Amino acid sequence: MTATAYDRLLDRLRDEGKKVRANGTKATAQCPAHDDRNPSLAVTRIECGILVYCHAGCHLDDILASIELRKSDLYDNAQGYSYQYADVRPLLGRHRQRCGRPHRSRALGWRLHALRAATHHGRRIRGVTW
């Protein structure tokens, strides 16, 4: 069984000797990017990966570099995530896109006809952003 991104990050922080307090889908830990006495790193489990935020202001790239991880390691599936719209072939999302459902006001229902037409004509759809 493959560990989730949440588990992998918390294990890596523990391996580095950082204090980690996990509670279900949220955790706090000492930030590996700066000398941290009180845990300032917030880790939140989301549908397809994790959100990482340092309350002391460390940049995500610095946090990940200090524990030898990449941004793709923030996702449960390093290949991206997949989702499917009704009557349209499955699409593969990439890491720059959001996970989960779009806000109703930004729903893609009004573009569904364009997706159907593109797939009907055999065009490859690389990703959809909202």
Protein backbone atom coordinates (compact mmCIF):
# COMPACT_ATOMS: atom_id res chain seq x y z
CA MET A 1 0.00 0.00 0.00
CA THR A 2 1.33 3.41 -0.97
CA ALA A 3 1.42 6.04 1.76
CA THR A 4 -0.42 9.30 1.19
CA ALA A 5 1.40 12.58 0.67
CA TYR A 6 0.31 13.55 4.19
CA ASP A 7 1.92 10.45 5.71
CA ARG A 8 5.08 10.79 3.61
CA LEU A 9 5.63 14.43 4.63
CA LEU A 10 5.02 13.79 8.33
CA ASP A 11 7.35 10.77 8.25
CA ARG A 12 10.04 12.85 6.55
CA LEU A 13 9.71 15.60 9.18
CA ARG A 14 10.00 13.03 11.98
CA ASP A 15 13.04 11.49 10.28
CA GLU A 16 14.63 14.96 10.35
CA GLY A 17 14.04 15.13 14.12
CA LYS A 18 11.21 17.68 13.97
CA LYS A 19 8.35 17.67 16.48
CA VAL A 20 5.11 16.72 14.76
CA ARG A 21 1.61 16.83 16.24
CA ALA A 22 -0.99 15.22 13.99
CA ASN A 23 -4.71 15.23 14.57
CA GLY A 24 -6.72 13.55 11.82
CA THR A 25 -6.36 15.67 8.69
CA LYS A 26 -4.31 18.48 10.22
CA ALA A 27 -0.84 18.59 11.70
CA THR A 28 1.61 21.11 13.07
CA ALA A 29 5.36 20.65 13.04
CA GLN A 30 8.61 22.46 13.47
CA CYS A 31 9.51 24.03 10.14
CA PRO A 32 12.63 22.45 8.61
CA ALA A 33 13.49 25.63 6.70
CA HIS A 34 14.32 27.72 9.76
CA ASP A 35 15.36 27.27 13.39
CA ASP A 36 11.95 26.60 14.87
CA ARG A 37 11.38 26.09 18.59
CA ASN A 38 7.59 26.24 18.44
CA PRO A 39 5.83 24.40 15.62
CA SER A 40 4.98 26.95 12.93
CA LEU A 41 4.45 24.60 9.99
CA ALA A 42 0.82 23.75 9.22
CA VAL A 43 0.03 20.66 7.14
CA THR A 44 -3.53 20.02 6.00
CA ARG A 45 -4.74 16.89 4.24
CA ILE A 46 -7.02 17.61 1.26
CA GLU A 47 -8.78 15.38 -1.27
CA CYS A 48 -5.78 14.67 -3.51
CA GLY A 49 -2.77 15.75 -1.48
CA ILE A 50 -1.69 18.25 1.15
CA LEU A 51 -1.41 21.97 1.81
CA VAL A 52 1.74 23.21 3.55
CA TYR A 53 2.09 26.64 5.16
CA CYS A 54 4.76 28.10 7.44
CA HIS A 55 3.39 30.77 9.80
CA ALA A 56 6.90 32.24 10.12
CA GLY A 57 6.86 33.05 6.39
CA CYS A 58 9.14 30.40 4.86
CA HIS A 59 8.62 29.82 1.16
CA LEU A 60 7.31 26.42 0.10
CA ASP A 61 10.34 25.78 -2.11
CA ASP A 62 12.67 26.31 0.86
CA ILE A 63 10.62 24.00 3.08
CA LEU A 64 10.60 21.22 0.52
CA ALA A 65 14.29 21.62 -0.38
CA SER A 66 15.31 21.34 3.28
CA ILE A 67 13.73 17.87 3.51
CA GLU A 68 14.59 16.85 -0.07
CA LEU A 69 11.05 16.76 -1.46
CA ARG A 70 9.54 18.19 -4.64
CA LYS A 71 6.20 19.89 -5.24
CA SER A 72 4.95 16.72 -6.91
CA ASP A 73 5.41 15.00 -3.53
CA LEU A 74 2.55 17.13 -2.19
CA TYR A 75 0.11 14.99 -4.18
CA ASP A 76 -1.01 11.47 -3.36
CA ASN A 77 -0.40 10.51 -6.99
CA ALA A 78 2.80 12.07 -8.34
CA GLN A 79 1.43 11.76 -11.90
CA GLY A 80 -1.36 14.20 -11.15
CA TYR A 81 -4.99 13.48 -10.45
CA SER A 82 -7.72 12.31 -12.76
CA TYR A 83 -11.31 13.39 -13.02
CA GLN A 84 -14.11 12.76 -15.48
CA TYR A 85 -17.02 14.81 -16.74
CA ALA A 86 -20.23 13.10 -17.79
CA ASP A 87 -20.15 11.96 -21.45
CA VAL A 88 -16.52 13.05 -21.90
CA ARG A 89 -13.33 10.98 -21.81
CA PRO A 90 -11.32 11.10 -18.56
CA LEU A 91 -8.89 14.01 -18.30
CA LEU A 92 -5.56 14.06 -16.50
CA GLY A 93 -4.94 17.13 -14.38
CA ARG A 94 -1.53 18.52 -13.55
CA HIS A 95 -0.13 19.91 -10.34
CA ARG A 96 -0.79 23.56 -11.11
CA GLN A 97 -4.51 22.93 -11.06
CA ARG A 98 -6.78 22.78 -8.07
CA CYS A 99 -8.06 19.53 -6.64
CA GLY A 100 -11.66 18.84 -5.92
CA ARG A 101 -14.71 20.57 -7.22
CA PRO A 102 -14.78 24.05 -8.78
CA HIS A 103 -16.82 26.82 -7.23
CA ARG A 104 -20.35 26.85 -8.66
CA SER A 105 -19.91 30.24 -10.30
CA ARG A 106 -16.89 28.88 -12.15
CA ALA A 107 -18.39 25.53 -13.07
CA LEU A 108 -17.48 24.22 -16.47
CA GLY A 109 -21.01 23.28 -17.49
CA TRP A 110 -21.18 26.09 -20.03
CA ARG A 111 -18.00 24.75 -21.69
CA LEU A 112 -19.08 21.13 -21.76
CA HIS A 113 -20.32 21.42 -25.34
CA ALA A 114 -16.83 22.53 -26.44
CA LEU A 115 -15.23 19.57 -24.65
CA ARG A 116 -17.67 17.16 -26.26
CA ALA A 117 -17.00 18.64 -29.70
CA ALA A 118 -13.23 18.45 -29.24
CA THR A 119 -13.28 14.83 -28.11
CA HIS A 120 -15.73 13.92 -30.87
CA HIS A 121 -13.25 15.22 -33.44
CA GLY A 122 -10.42 13.25 -31.83
CA ARG A 123 -8.59 16.21 -30.32
CA ARG A 124 -6.50 15.50 -27.26
CA ILE A 125 -7.34 17.56 -24.19
CA ARG A 126 -4.33 18.08 -21.96
CA GLY A 127 -5.97 19.76 -19.00
CA VAL A 128 -8.69 22.07 -17.87
CA THR A 129 -8.22 24.93 -15.44
CA TRP A 130 -10.80 27.04 -13.70
